[in-house]
Amino acid sequence: MSINVTIYHNPRCQKSRVALQELEESGEEVEIREYLKTIPTVKELKELCAVLNIKPEELVRKTEPIYKEKYQGKTLTDIQWLKALAEHPVLIQRPIVWKGNKAVIAREAGTLAKFLK
C-alpha cells in the first residue's frame, strides 16, 4: 500500500494525537511528519499554503510566546511569514493533514472525518 496521507504532527499536542489516531483508524497509509524535527522549507510551506488555500499568516499559531515576542502587531509579507514559520516551526498550526491536492488544518472535531470522505 502506498502512502496517500501526510500529517504534520506534534506528538505533544492533544489535537494532533487525536487526528493521528483518527487517520490510523481510517485505514489510510499515513506518513507522519514531525515538523518540529523535520522542519519544512520555505518552498514546502508555500506549497502547503497553496494547497490549504490560505495566506501564510493564516498558518501562524498566534498564541505562541515566540509570536507574541517577535511578530505580534507587525505587518509581514507572505515570504516573510514563510521564513518566520521555517525559522520557528512551533508557529505552524497543527495538525495539518495533506492528501493528494487537498489539505486541512484538523483542529476542530469532525473536520478530519469530513475531509477524508
Protein backbone atom coordinates (compact mmCIF):
# COMPACT_ATOMS: atom_id res chain seq x y z
CA MET A 1 0.00 0.00 0.00
CA SER A 2 1.38 3.42 -0.88
CA ILE A 3 1.33 6.39 1.44
CA ASN A 4 -1.55 8.63 0.50
CA VAL A 5 -1.87 10.90 3.54
CA THR A 6 0.71 13.05 5.31
CA ILE A 7 0.13 14.51 8.74
CA TYR A 8 2.20 17.42 10.01
CA HIS A 9 2.28 16.18 13.57
CA ASN A 10 3.39 17.29 17.00
CA PRO A 11 3.20 14.33 19.42
CA ARG A 12 2.96 16.74 22.38
CA CYS A 13 -0.27 18.25 21.01
CA GLN A 14 -3.54 16.58 22.05
CA LYS A 15 -5.38 17.60 18.86
CA SER A 16 -2.53 16.27 16.75
CA ARG A 17 -2.55 12.93 18.60
CA VAL A 18 -6.33 12.64 18.14
CA ALA A 19 -6.02 13.37 14.41
CA LEU A 20 -3.26 10.78 14.01
CA GLN A 21 -5.37 8.18 15.80
CA GLU A 22 -8.33 9.00 13.51
CA LEU A 23 -6.10 8.61 10.46
CA GLU A 24 -4.72 5.28 11.66
CA GLU A 25 -8.25 4.02 12.37
CA SER A 26 -9.39 5.13 8.90
CA GLY A 27 -7.10 2.57 7.27
CA GLU A 28 -5.18 5.25 5.37
CA GLU A 29 -1.46 4.67 4.87
CA VAL A 30 -0.02 7.63 6.79
CA GLU A 31 3.31 9.41 6.62
CA ILE A 32 3.95 11.13 9.94
CA ARG A 33 5.92 14.34 9.57
CA GLU A 34 7.08 15.60 12.95
CA TYR A 35 7.57 19.13 11.68
CA LEU A 36 9.48 20.27 14.78
CA LYS A 37 12.17 17.66 13.98
CA THR A 38 11.96 17.70 10.17
CA ILE A 39 11.32 21.38 9.60
CA PRO A 40 9.51 22.28 6.38
CA THR A 41 11.38 24.55 3.98
CA VAL A 42 10.01 27.88 2.80
CA LYS A 43 9.21 26.18 -0.53
CA GLU A 44 7.29 23.36 1.22
CA LEU A 45 5.39 25.84 3.39
CA LYS A 46 4.48 27.91 0.32
CA GLU A 47 3.15 24.78 -1.40
CA LEU A 48 1.27 23.77 1.75
CA CYS A 49 -0.40 27.21 1.96
CA ALA A 50 -1.38 26.93 -1.71
CA VAL A 51 -2.96 23.51 -1.13
CA LEU A 52 -4.71 24.79 2.02
CA ASN A 53 -5.78 27.86 0.03
CA ILE A 54 -4.66 30.23 2.80
CA LYS A 55 -2.20 33.08 3.21
CA PRO A 56 0.97 32.17 5.15
CA GLU A 57 -0.10 34.37 8.06
CA GLU A 58 -3.19 32.14 8.49
CA LEU A 59 -0.85 29.21 9.21
CA VAL A 60 0.61 31.01 12.24
CA ARG A 61 -0.27 29.99 15.81
CA LYS A 62 -0.74 33.39 17.38
CA THR A 63 -0.89 32.04 20.93
CA GLU A 64 2.79 31.00 20.92
CA PRO A 65 5.19 33.09 23.04
CA ILE A 66 7.61 33.47 20.08
CA TYR A 67 4.78 35.06 18.05
CA LYS A 68 3.99 37.50 20.84
CA GLU A 69 7.68 38.36 21.31
CA LYS A 70 8.73 38.75 17.67
CA TYR A 71 5.73 39.15 15.37
CA GLN A 72 2.60 40.41 17.12
CA GLY A 73 1.43 43.72 15.70
CA LYS A 74 3.83 43.56 12.74
CA THR A 75 2.88 43.53 9.09
CA LEU A 76 4.89 40.94 7.18
CA THR A 77 4.82 39.93 3.54
CA ASP A 78 3.88 36.36 2.61
CA ILE A 79 7.55 35.46 2.09
CA GLN A 80 8.48 36.98 5.46
CA TRP A 81 5.78 34.88 7.16
CA LEU A 82 7.01 31.76 5.33
CA LYS A 83 10.56 32.46 6.51
CA ALA A 84 9.31 33.02 10.08
CA LEU A 85 7.46 29.70 10.01
CA ALA A 86 10.56 27.89 8.69
CA GLU A 87 12.72 29.56 11.33
CA HIS A 88 10.23 28.92 14.16
CA PRO A 89 8.22 25.79 13.22
CA VAL A 90 6.45 25.88 16.60
CA LEU A 91 4.39 28.67 14.99
CA ILE A 92 2.86 26.27 12.43
CA GLN A 93 -0.80 25.37 13.02
CA ARG A 94 -1.37 21.72 13.77
CA PRO A 95 -2.31 19.13 12.86
CA ILE A 96 -2.27 19.55 9.11
CA VAL A 97 -3.43 16.61 7.03
CA TRP A 98 -2.48 16.56 3.36
CA LYS A 99 -3.95 14.12 0.84
CA GLY A 100 -3.37 14.49 -2.87
CA ASN A 101 -4.16 18.04 -3.91
CA LYS A 102 -6.13 18.84 -0.74
CA ALA A 103 -5.15 19.65 2.83
CA VAL A 104 -6.88 20.69 6.03
CA ILE A 105 -5.92 22.05 9.43
CA ALA A 106 -7.67 19.42 11.53
CA ARG A 107 -8.01 21.27 14.84
CA GLU A 108 -11.78 21.08 15.13
CA ALA A 109 -13.65 17.85 15.89
CA GLY A 110 -15.19 16.36 12.76
CA THR A 111 -13.00 18.29 10.32
CA LEU A 112 -10.78 15.32 9.54
CA ALA A 113 -13.63 12.83 9.11
CA LYS A 114 -15.32 15.20 6.65
CA PHE A 115 -12.02 15.73 4.82
CA LEU A 116 -11.32 12.00 4.42
CA LYS A 117 -14.74 11.30 2.82
